[in-house]
Amino acid sequence: MAKETPTFSFCDQSDLPLWVQLRDRMEFLINSGFYEPGEKLPTVRKYAADLHIAYNTVSKAYMGLERDGYVTTVRGSGVFVNDLDSLPREGDRVDALVEEFVKSCLKEGMTYDDVPKLVSKHVRRMKRSHEEK
């Protein structure tokens, strides 16, 4: 039996397009384990219908997830969550830097759930800044 589509509220005040908000939410659901490696995601059409949003919005979010390595599309079969632990590792040095960063954030009073949101926010800002150049 397929999982129900998780509820999601879009932020109307956000500068981020709906597809980016959805992509970020789905990334969180994958990272948190709601969607597990190998699991098939709901079809674009079902997600769009369940969330009452345009088909193209969901399609762009799925394409963004695939571009970033979170999912793989198998033509005729669907979109499946990748095993993030099996993706190529950046190396011990980078892992150590990330671990120290997370520990520092926790010491500052952030929660584990806050850290990826903070990183995503900064990455988006840096991408926008880089694209403007």
Protein backbone atom coordinates (compact mmCIF):
# COMPACT_ATOMS: atom_id res chain seq x y z
CA MET A 1 0.00 0.00 0.00
CA ALA A 2 1.40 3.40 -0.98
CA LYS A 3 2.06 6.07 1.62
CA GLU A 4 -0.26 9.02 1.76
CA THR A 5 1.15 12.22 0.35
CA PRO A 6 2.46 14.21 3.31
CA THR A 7 0.71 17.48 3.99
CA PHE A 8 2.60 20.55 2.90
CA SER A 9 1.92 24.26 3.22
CA PHE A 10 3.51 26.63 0.77
CA CYS A 11 4.84 29.92 2.11
CA ASP A 12 3.19 32.72 0.12
CA GLN A 13 5.65 35.26 1.56
CA SER A 14 8.69 33.32 0.35
CA ASP A 15 10.76 34.57 -2.56
CA LEU A 16 11.26 30.93 -3.54
CA PRO A 17 9.07 29.53 -6.34
CA LEU A 18 6.61 26.80 -5.35
CA TRP A 19 8.64 24.10 -7.11
CA VAL A 20 11.73 25.00 -5.04
CA GLN A 21 9.72 24.95 -1.81
CA LEU A 22 8.34 21.53 -2.77
CA ARG A 23 11.77 20.25 -3.79
CA ASP A 24 13.23 21.38 -0.45
CA ARG A 25 10.39 19.69 1.44
CA MET A 26 10.86 16.45 -0.47
CA GLU A 27 14.62 16.59 0.12
CA PHE A 28 13.84 16.88 3.84
CA LEU A 29 11.45 13.90 3.63
CA ILE A 30 14.18 11.82 1.97
CA ASN A 31 16.90 12.92 4.40
CA SER A 32 14.64 12.29 7.40
CA GLY A 33 13.82 8.75 6.25
CA PHE A 34 10.14 9.33 5.49
CA TYR A 35 10.94 8.18 1.97
CA GLU A 36 13.41 5.30 2.14
CA PRO A 37 16.08 4.21 -0.36
CA GLY A 38 14.52 2.26 -3.22
CA GLU A 39 11.03 3.51 -2.42
CA LYS A 40 8.90 4.70 -5.31
CA LEU A 41 7.64 8.26 -4.98
CA PRO A 42 4.04 9.14 -5.83
CA THR A 43 3.53 9.95 -9.49
CA VAL A 44 3.81 13.57 -10.51
CA ARG A 45 0.11 13.55 -11.35
CA LYS A 46 -0.88 12.13 -7.93
CA TYR A 47 1.36 14.55 -6.01
CA ALA A 48 -0.05 17.49 -7.99
CA ALA A 49 -3.63 16.37 -7.37
CA ASP A 50 -3.07 15.68 -3.66
CA LEU A 51 -1.40 19.07 -3.11
CA HIS A 52 -3.75 20.97 -5.48
CA ILE A 53 -0.87 22.41 -7.49
CA ALA A 54 0.16 22.33 -11.14
CA TYR A 55 1.64 19.20 -12.68
CA ASN A 56 4.63 21.22 -13.94
CA THR A 57 5.41 22.42 -10.41
CA VAL A 58 5.80 18.85 -9.17
CA SER A 59 7.66 17.84 -12.32
CA LYS A 60 10.25 20.61 -11.81
CA ALA A 61 10.67 19.60 -8.15
CA TYR A 62 11.28 15.98 -9.18
CA MET A 63 13.80 17.09 -11.84
CA GLY A 64 15.62 19.14 -9.19
CA LEU A 65 15.76 16.13 -6.86
CA GLU A 66 17.14 13.99 -9.66
CA ARG A 67 19.73 16.59 -10.64
CA ASP A 68 20.93 16.69 -7.00
CA GLY A 69 21.14 12.88 -6.76
CA TYR A 70 18.21 12.23 -4.43
CA VAL A 71 16.12 10.24 -6.89
CA THR A 72 16.39 8.33 -10.14
CA THR A 73 13.69 8.22 -12.80
CA VAL A 74 13.15 4.85 -14.45
CA ARG A 75 11.19 5.40 -17.65
CA GLY A 76 7.88 3.59 -17.49
CA SER A 77 8.35 2.58 -13.84
CA GLY A 78 8.49 5.79 -11.83
CA VAL A 79 10.77 7.85 -9.62
CA PHE A 80 12.76 6.05 -6.93
CA VAL A 81 14.69 7.32 -3.91
CA ASN A 82 18.45 6.79 -4.12
CA ASP A 83 20.46 5.26 -1.30
CA LEU A 84 22.26 8.39 -0.16
CA ASP A 85 24.83 6.33 1.77
CA SER A 86 25.92 4.65 -1.46
CA LEU A 87 26.64 7.92 -3.27
CA PRO A 88 30.30 8.83 -3.73
CA ARG A 89 31.90 10.17 -0.57
CA GLU A 90 33.56 13.57 -0.49
CA GLY A 91 36.40 12.29 1.66
CA ASP A 92 37.26 12.12 5.31
CA ARG A 93 38.42 15.74 5.53
CA VAL A 94 35.12 17.13 4.25
CA ASP A 95 33.16 14.72 6.47
CA ALA A 96 35.11 15.98 9.48
CA LEU A 97 34.39 19.61 8.53
CA VAL A 98 30.68 18.89 8.21
CA GLU A 99 30.60 17.06 11.53
CA GLU A 100 32.31 19.99 13.27
CA PHE A 101 29.89 22.42 11.65
CA VAL A 102 26.87 20.42 12.85
CA LYS A 103 28.30 20.20 16.37
CA SER A 104 28.88 23.96 16.37
CA CYS A 105 25.29 24.60 15.28
CA LEU A 106 23.98 22.34 18.04
CA LYS A 107 26.11 24.20 20.60
CA GLU A 108 24.48 27.44 19.39
CA GLY A 109 21.07 26.01 20.27
CA MET A 110 19.95 24.78 16.87
CA THR A 111 18.23 21.42 16.43
CA TYR A 112 19.32 18.70 14.02
CA ASP A 113 16.35 19.62 11.82
CA ASP A 114 17.44 23.29 11.73
CA VAL A 115 20.91 22.55 10.33
CA PRO A 116 19.93 21.33 6.82
CA LYS A 117 17.49 24.24 6.52
CA LEU A 118 20.28 26.67 7.34
CA VAL A 119 22.65 25.05 4.87
CA SER A 120 20.00 24.97 2.13
CA LYS A 121 19.25 28.64 2.68
CA HIS A 122 22.91 29.59 2.34
CA VAL A 123 23.48 27.36 -0.67
CA ARG A 124 20.49 28.90 -2.47
CA ARG A 125 21.72 32.40 -1.67
CA MET A 126 25.24 31.57 -2.87
CA LYS A 127 23.88 30.01 -6.09
CA ARG A 128 21.79 33.12 -6.79
CA SER A 129 24.77 35.35 -6.11
CA HIS A 130 26.96 33.24 -8.40
CA GLU A 131 24.35 33.24 -11.17
CA GLU A 132 24.07 37.03 -11.06
CA LYS A 133 27.77 37.42 -11.85
